[in-house]
Amino acid sequence: MYPSEAGTKTAVSLHRGRLARSVLRVKAALKLIWAYRLSYAFIAPFLVCFVAFILVPVVLAILLSFTYFNGLQPPRWIGWQNFLYLLSQDLIFLKYALPNTIKFALIVGPGGYAASFLLAWLISQLPNYARTLYALAFYTPSLTAGIAMTVVWLPLLTGDRIGYLNSFLLSIGAIEKPVLWVTSQKYLMGSMIAVTLWSSMGVGFLAQLAGVLNVNRELYEAGRIDGIKSRLQEIWYITIPSMKPQMLFSAVMAIVGTFKAGEIGQQLSGTFPTPQYAGHVLMSHIADYGEIRFEMGYASAISVFLLVLMYLSNKLGWKLFGSRGDE
């Protein structure tokens, strides 16, 4: 037998051995799945919905971000051109959308998160009946944001003398002429932040309220014995460490809600784009290219960029509030 033939037979035998081991592993996995078939049946509805409405759209968006696609013709592969244009030549994105999004997120995200925790803690100190009423009062705006926008905020922020805010400020002499709260480049972002903070007490707020209420009362008694003398020390050393899961969930919800709040500028100002792009954020930029210009490939690239920003923000939230191995 020649050496080359011996080597070939050895390679074939090794390949057959690896193939046999792979077949055995697949059979063992299938056997294990069949043993827990009822468990898989219970998670199947969620799994199907997750794949159909989250995983598949995300994968398609990532693939489309590398193409030119106008919604009518088949996608044409262009590689990294969308991202290169986004980060180097898209002046609206670089000058308005990205800075406005960062400013909006840095104020509304931590501000709404801190406000939800503070309100949750204050409401937890009330009796049961009053606690329910106050929790409902703060939670309701997050359910009726669109209706409340029309009924409350638009008449309040109208830029003429009959606007509630202008009328009040004129009556007390704080201003000399009406302020264009939602149509001025100077004030639109502040109006957007105020309205978003007002409507930010959603599911994350309820999670924090539940976390505060479920802290073991015996821990507070033990803390007083160990030397804790104020409510602030109780919050820092007992309340926050005891409700990290709820705080993590609230942080994730705050991040997602902040980054996806893109239509509020258009709803307040009544124009698209907003006056001098004062309220133009990443969601507005996606809507501009995806729903108006029908440049689906480029809109997908902006969506992927936004997804990366949200992922990095969530990683920061996990680092701050995620459980560690020794906790």
Protein backbone atom coordinates (compact mmCIF):
# COMPACT_ATOMS: atom_id res chain seq x y z
CA MET A 1 0.00 0.00 0.00
CA TYR A 2 1.34 3.43 -0.96
CA PRO A 3 1.67 6.09 1.77
CA SER A 4 -0.81 8.36 -0.01
CA GLU A 5 -3.46 5.63 0.00
CA ALA A 6 -2.90 4.97 3.71
CA GLY A 7 -3.30 8.68 4.47
CA THR A 8 -6.48 8.84 2.41
CA LYS A 9 -7.99 5.86 4.26
CA THR A 10 -7.06 7.42 7.61
CA ALA A 11 -8.71 10.72 6.65
CA VAL A 12 -11.84 8.90 5.47
CA SER A 13 -12.06 6.91 8.71
CA LEU A 14 -11.64 10.09 10.77
CA HIS A 15 -14.35 11.80 8.75
CA ARG A 16 -16.70 8.86 9.23
CA GLY A 17 -15.97 8.90 12.96
CA ARG A 18 -16.78 12.59 13.23
CA LEU A 19 -19.94 12.10 11.17
CA ALA A 20 -21.05 9.23 13.41
CA ARG A 21 -20.47 11.32 16.54
CA SER A 22 -22.43 14.20 15.00
CA VAL A 23 -25.33 11.88 14.21
CA LEU A 24 -25.29 10.58 17.79
CA ARG A 25 -25.33 14.12 19.18
CA VAL A 26 -28.27 15.07 16.92
CA LYS A 27 -30.19 11.97 18.01
CA ALA A 28 -29.49 12.75 21.67
CA ALA A 29 -30.69 16.35 21.19
CA LEU A 30 -33.86 15.22 19.44
CA LYS A 31 -34.49 12.69 22.18
CA LEU A 32 -34.09 15.39 24.83
CA ILE A 33 -36.44 17.72 22.96
CA TRP A 34 -39.03 14.97 22.69
CA ALA A 35 -38.73 14.31 26.42
CA TYR A 36 -39.59 17.95 27.12
CA ARG A 37 -42.12 18.32 24.29
CA LEU A 38 -44.82 19.78 26.56
CA SER A 39 -42.47 22.54 27.70
CA TYR A 40 -41.65 23.40 24.11
CA ALA A 41 -45.36 23.43 23.28
CA PHE A 42 -45.94 26.03 25.99
CA ILE A 43 -43.21 28.35 24.70
CA ALA A 44 -44.09 27.78 21.03
CA PRO A 45 -46.60 30.69 20.74
CA PHE A 46 -44.09 33.19 22.10
CA LEU A 47 -41.29 31.69 20.03
CA VAL A 48 -43.33 31.89 16.82
CA CYS A 49 -44.30 35.51 17.49
CA PHE A 50 -40.71 36.42 18.40
CA VAL A 51 -39.34 34.90 15.23
CA ALA A 52 -42.08 36.30 12.97
CA PHE A 53 -42.30 39.84 14.33
CA ILE A 54 -38.85 40.54 15.83
CA LEU A 55 -36.11 38.22 14.61
CA VAL A 56 -37.11 38.09 10.93
CA PRO A 57 -37.70 41.88 10.60
CA VAL A 58 -34.37 42.63 12.30
CA VAL A 59 -32.49 40.23 10.03
CA LEU A 60 -34.23 41.62 6.93
CA ALA A 61 -33.47 45.19 8.02
CA ILE A 62 -29.79 44.32 8.43
CA LEU A 63 -29.70 42.72 4.99
CA LEU A 64 -31.58 45.60 3.35
CA SER A 65 -29.19 48.11 4.92
CA PHE A 66 -26.53 46.87 2.51
CA THR A 67 -28.75 47.39 -0.53
CA TYR A 68 -30.41 50.11 -2.58
CA PHE A 69 -34.13 49.37 -2.40
CA ASN A 70 -36.90 51.75 -3.42
CA GLY A 71 -39.84 49.45 -2.71
CA LEU A 72 -40.61 48.93 -6.42
CA GLN A 73 -37.49 47.36 -7.90
CA PRO A 74 -35.62 44.38 -6.49
CA PRO A 75 -32.95 45.26 -3.90
CA ARG A 76 -29.52 45.96 -5.39
CA TRP A 77 -26.46 45.10 -3.29
CA ILE A 78 -24.23 48.15 -2.64
CA GLY A 79 -22.22 47.00 0.40
CA TRP A 80 -21.31 49.62 2.98
CA GLN A 81 -22.35 52.62 0.86
CA ASN A 82 -25.42 53.43 2.97
CA PHE A 83 -23.42 53.52 6.19
CA LEU A 84 -20.59 55.51 4.61
CA TYR A 85 -23.07 58.10 3.35
CA LEU A 86 -24.86 58.15 6.72
CA LEU A 87 -21.70 58.82 8.75
CA SER A 88 -19.91 61.16 6.36
CA GLN A 89 -22.26 62.93 3.93
CA ASP A 90 -25.78 63.02 5.37
CA LEU A 91 -25.74 66.56 6.76
CA ILE A 92 -29.29 66.38 8.16
CA PHE A 93 -28.31 63.28 10.13
CA LEU A 94 -24.99 64.68 11.37
CA LYS A 95 -26.21 68.20 12.11
CA TYR A 96 -29.71 67.60 13.44
CA ALA A 97 -30.95 64.01 13.80
CA LEU A 98 -28.05 62.55 15.78
CA PRO A 99 -27.39 65.55 18.11
CA ASN A 100 -31.12 66.00 18.77
CA THR A 101 -31.52 62.30 19.54
CA ILE A 102 -28.57 62.31 21.96
CA LYS A 103 -29.80 65.47 23.69
CA PHE A 104 -33.35 64.16 23.90
CA ALA A 105 -32.23 60.76 25.20
CA LEU A 106 -29.80 62.12 27.80
CA ILE A 107 -32.49 64.35 29.32
CA VAL A 108 -35.64 62.26 28.94
CA GLY A 109 -34.07 58.86 29.66
CA PRO A 110 -32.32 59.51 33.00
CA GLY A 111 -34.83 62.25 33.90
CA GLY A 112 -37.88 60.07 33.35
CA TYR A 113 -36.17 57.13 35.03
CA ALA A 114 -35.28 59.15 38.14
CA ALA A 115 -38.75 60.71 38.24
CA SER A 116 -40.45 57.32 37.99
CA PHE A 117 -38.38 55.96 40.88
CA LEU A 118 -38.99 59.05 43.03
CA LEU A 119 -42.74 58.98 42.37
CA ALA A 120 -42.88 55.23 42.97
CA TRP A 121 -41.15 55.65 46.33
CA LEU A 122 -43.39 58.57 47.35
CA ILE A 123 -46.56 56.73 46.35
CA SER A 124 -45.41 53.64 48.28
CA GLN A 125 -45.54 55.70 51.48
CA LEU A 126 -49.28 56.38 51.05
CA PRO A 127 -52.18 54.24 52.33
CA ASN A 128 -53.48 51.55 50.01
CA TYR A 129 -56.52 53.45 48.65
CA ALA A 130 -54.64 56.69 48.02
CA ARG A 131 -51.73 54.72 46.55
CA THR A 132 -54.00 53.13 43.94
CA LEU A 133 -55.50 56.48 42.91
CA TYR A 134 -52.13 58.20 42.56
CA ALA A 135 -50.59 55.27 40.67
CA LEU A 136 -53.53 55.32 38.25
CA ALA A 137 -53.25 59.10 37.82
CA PHE A 138 -49.56 58.93 36.92
CA TYR A 139 -49.89 55.82 34.74
CA THR A 140 -52.91 56.94 32.69
CA PRO A 141 -51.06 59.54 30.52
CA SER A 142 -48.86 56.79 29.09
CA LEU A 143 -52.00 55.01 27.85
CA THR A 144 -53.69 58.04 26.30
CA ALA A 145 -50.68 60.01 25.03
CA GLY A 146 -52.20 60.74 21.61
CA ILE A 147 -55.55 61.91 22.99
CA ALA A 148 -53.88 63.89 25.76
CA MET A 149 -51.64 65.53 23.18
CA THR A 150 -54.69 67.01 21.46
CA VAL A 151 -56.82 67.75 24.50
CA VAL A 152 -54.18 69.07 26.92
CA TRP A 153 -50.85 69.97 25.43
CA LEU A 154 -51.75 71.58 22.11
CA PRO A 155 -54.14 74.16 23.65
CA LEU A 156 -51.65 74.68 26.47
CA LEU A 157 -48.70 75.36 24.15
CA THR A 158 -50.50 77.28 21.41
CA GLY A 159 -48.29 80.16 20.31
CA ASP A 160 -50.93 82.92 20.47
CA ARG A 161 -52.49 84.89 23.30
CA ILE A 162 -55.29 82.41 23.88
CA GLY A 163 -52.86 79.56 24.55
CA TYR A 164 -53.19 78.63 28.21
CA LEU A 165 -49.50 78.94 29.01
CA ASN A 166 -49.04 82.20 27.12
CA SER A 167 -52.21 83.64 28.64
CA PHE A 168 -51.04 82.83 32.16
CA LEU A 169 -47.52 84.19 31.64
CA LEU A 170 -48.89 87.39 30.06
CA SER A 171 -51.32 87.89 32.93
CA ILE A 172 -48.55 87.78 35.54
CA GLY A 173 -46.18 89.88 33.45
CA ALA A 174 -43.57 87.13 32.93
CA ILE A 175 -43.52 87.71 29.16
CA GLU A 176 -44.40 90.70 26.99
CA LYS A 177 -45.56 88.88 23.87
CA PRO A 178 -46.74 85.31 23.12
CA VAL A 179 -44.05 82.65 22.80
CA LEU A 180 -44.12 80.17 19.92
CA TRP A 181 -43.62 77.09 22.10
CA VAL A 182 -44.03 74.44 19.39
CA THR A 183 -43.19 76.26 16.17
CA SER A 184 -39.98 77.99 17.22
CA GLN A 185 -36.58 76.33 16.83
CA LYS A 186 -35.62 77.70 20.25
CA TYR A 187 -38.46 76.16 22.26
CA LEU A 188 -39.62 73.06 20.37
CA MET A 189 -37.10 70.64 21.88
CA GLY A 190 -37.95 71.84 25.40
CA SER A 191 -41.65 71.31 24.70
CA MET A 192 -40.93 67.82 23.38
CA ILE A 193 -38.94 66.95 26.51
CA ALA A 194 -41.65 68.28 28.85
CA VAL A 195 -44.46 66.35 27.15
CA THR A 196 -42.41 63.14 26.96
CA LEU A 197 -41.49 63.32 30.65
CA TRP A 198 -45.16 63.84 31.49
CA SER A 199 -46.17 60.72 29.57
CA SER A 200 -43.17 58.56 30.59
CA MET A 201 -44.73 56.99 33.70
CA GLY A 202 -45.61 53.73 31.97
CA VAL A 203 -44.87 50.07 32.62
CA GLY A 204 -41.42 50.91 33.98
CA PHE A 205 -43.02 53.14 36.62
CA LEU A 206 -45.37 50.34 37.68
CA ALA A 207 -42.43 47.91 37.86
CA GLN A 208 -40.53 50.26 40.15
CA LEU A 209 -43.61 50.77 42.31
CA ALA A 210 -44.00 46.99 42.63
CA GLY A 211 -40.30 46.68 43.46
CA VAL A 212 -40.48 49.28 46.24
CA LEU A 213 -43.60 47.68 47.72
CA ASN A 214 -42.04 44.20 47.69
CA VAL A 215 -38.89 45.11 49.60
CA ASN A 216 -38.75 43.03 52.78
CA ARG A 217 -39.71 45.28 55.72
CA GLU A 218 -37.42 43.32 58.01
CA LEU A 219 -34.46 44.69 56.08
CA TYR A 220 -35.35 48.22 57.17
CA GLU A 221 -35.53 47.12 60.81
CA ALA A 222 -32.18 45.38 60.51
CA GLY A 223 -30.74 48.49 58.85
CA ARG A 224 -31.82 50.71 61.73
CA ILE A 225 -30.12 48.34 64.14
CA ASP A 226 -26.95 48.48 62.00
CA GLY A 227 -26.85 52.26 62.08
CA ILE A 228 -29.02 53.56 59.22
CA LYS A 229 -30.51 56.82 60.46
CA SER A 230 -32.29 58.45 57.50
CA ARG A 231 -34.68 57.62 54.67
CA LEU A 232 -32.02 58.53 52.12
CA GLN A 233 -29.68 55.89 53.58
CA GLU A 234 -32.54 53.37 53.53
CA ILE A 235 -33.11 54.06 49.83
CA TRP A 236 -29.41 53.84 48.94
CA TYR A 237 -28.41 50.82 51.00
CA ILE A 238 -31.64 48.77 51.13
CA THR A 239 -34.33 49.82 48.63
CA ILE A 240 -32.23 50.13 45.46
CA PRO A 241 -30.14 46.95 46.01
CA SER A 242 -33.32 44.98 46.80
CA MET A 243 -35.16 45.97 43.60
CA LYS A 244 -32.43 45.70 40.98
CA PRO A 245 -34.50 43.43 38.67
CA GLN A 246 -37.34 45.96 38.57
CA MET A 247 -34.88 48.83 38.07
CA LEU A 248 -33.22 46.95 35.21
CA PHE A 249 -36.58 46.36 33.53
CA SER A 250 -37.52 50.01 34.01
CA ALA A 251 -34.16 51.12 32.57
CA VAL A 252 -34.64 48.97 29.46
CA MET A 253 -38.18 50.30 28.96
CA ALA A 254 -36.97 53.88 29.43
CA ILE A 255 -34.21 53.40 26.85
CA VAL A 256 -36.55 51.86 24.29
CA GLY A 257 -39.25 54.46 24.88
CA THR A 258 -36.81 57.35 24.62
CA PHE A 259 -35.22 56.26 21.36
CA LYS A 260 -38.51 55.42 19.64
CA ALA A 261 -40.23 58.70 20.63
CA GLY A 262 -39.85 60.33 17.25
CA GLU A 263 -43.35 61.50 16.31
CA ILE A 264 -43.88 63.89 19.19
CA GLY A 265 -42.13 66.75 17.44
CA GLN A 266 -44.38 66.43 14.40
CA GLN A 267 -47.49 66.10 16.57
CA LEU A 268 -46.69 69.26 18.52
CA SER A 269 -45.54 71.43 15.62
CA GLY A 270 -47.98 70.03 13.05
CA THR A 271 -45.26 69.98 10.37
CA PHE A 272 -42.90 67.43 8.90
CA PRO A 273 -40.04 67.99 9.12
CA THR A 274 -40.19 70.12 12.23
CA PRO A 275 -39.34 73.85 11.98
CA GLN A 276 -35.65 74.17 11.01
CA TYR A 277 -35.24 70.49 12.06
CA ALA A 278 -35.41 71.52 15.72
CA GLY A 279 -37.24 68.31 16.70
CA HIS A 280 -35.78 66.04 14.02
CA VAL A 281 -34.57 62.82 15.68
CA LEU A 282 -33.51 59.42 14.34
CA MET A 283 -37.06 58.10 14.19
CA SER A 284 -38.02 61.15 12.15
CA HIS A 285 -35.08 60.51 9.83
CA ILE A 286 -36.19 56.90 9.35
CA ALA A 287 -39.76 58.03 8.59
CA ASP A 288 -38.45 60.62 6.13
CA TYR A 289 -36.49 58.12 4.05
CA GLY A 290 -38.76 55.12 4.56
CA GLU A 291 -42.26 56.59 4.31
CA ILE A 292 -41.76 59.69 2.15
CA ARG A 293 -38.74 59.11 -0.09
CA PHE A 294 -39.18 55.31 -0.21
CA GLU A 295 -35.43 54.72 0.06
CA MET A 296 -35.91 51.55 2.07
CA GLY A 297 -32.29 50.47 2.00
CA TYR A 298 -31.05 53.73 3.47
CA ALA A 299 -33.90 53.81 6.01
CA SER A 300 -32.86 50.29 7.05
CA ALA A 301 -29.28 51.49 7.54
CA ILE A 302 -30.51 54.27 9.87
CA SER A 303 -32.63 51.67 11.70
CA VAL A 304 -29.59 49.44 12.18
CA PHE A 305 -27.62 52.42 13.52
CA LEU A 306 -30.45 53.13 15.97
CA LEU A 307 -30.51 49.45 16.95
CA VAL A 308 -26.79 49.61 17.77
CA LEU A 309 -27.34 52.71 19.91
CA MET A 310 -30.13 50.98 21.81
CA TYR A 311 -28.00 47.87 22.29
CA LEU A 312 -25.11 49.88 23.75
CA SER A 313 -27.50 51.75 26.04
CA ASN A 314 -29.02 48.47 27.22
CA LYS A 315 -25.53 47.12 27.92
CA LEU A 316 -24.96 50.15 30.13
CA GLY A 317 -28.24 49.43 31.91
CA TRP A 318 -27.21 45.81 32.49
CA LYS A 319 -23.86 46.97 33.85
CA LEU A 320 -25.55 49.30 36.32
CA PHE A 321 -28.48 47.16 37.47
CA GLY A 322 -27.82 43.61 36.27
CA SER A 323 -27.32 40.90 38.88
CA ARG A 324 -23.83 39.60 39.38
CA GLY A 325 -22.75 36.10 40.28
CA ASP A 326 -22.40 36.80 43.96
CA GLU A 327 -25.77 38.56 44.32
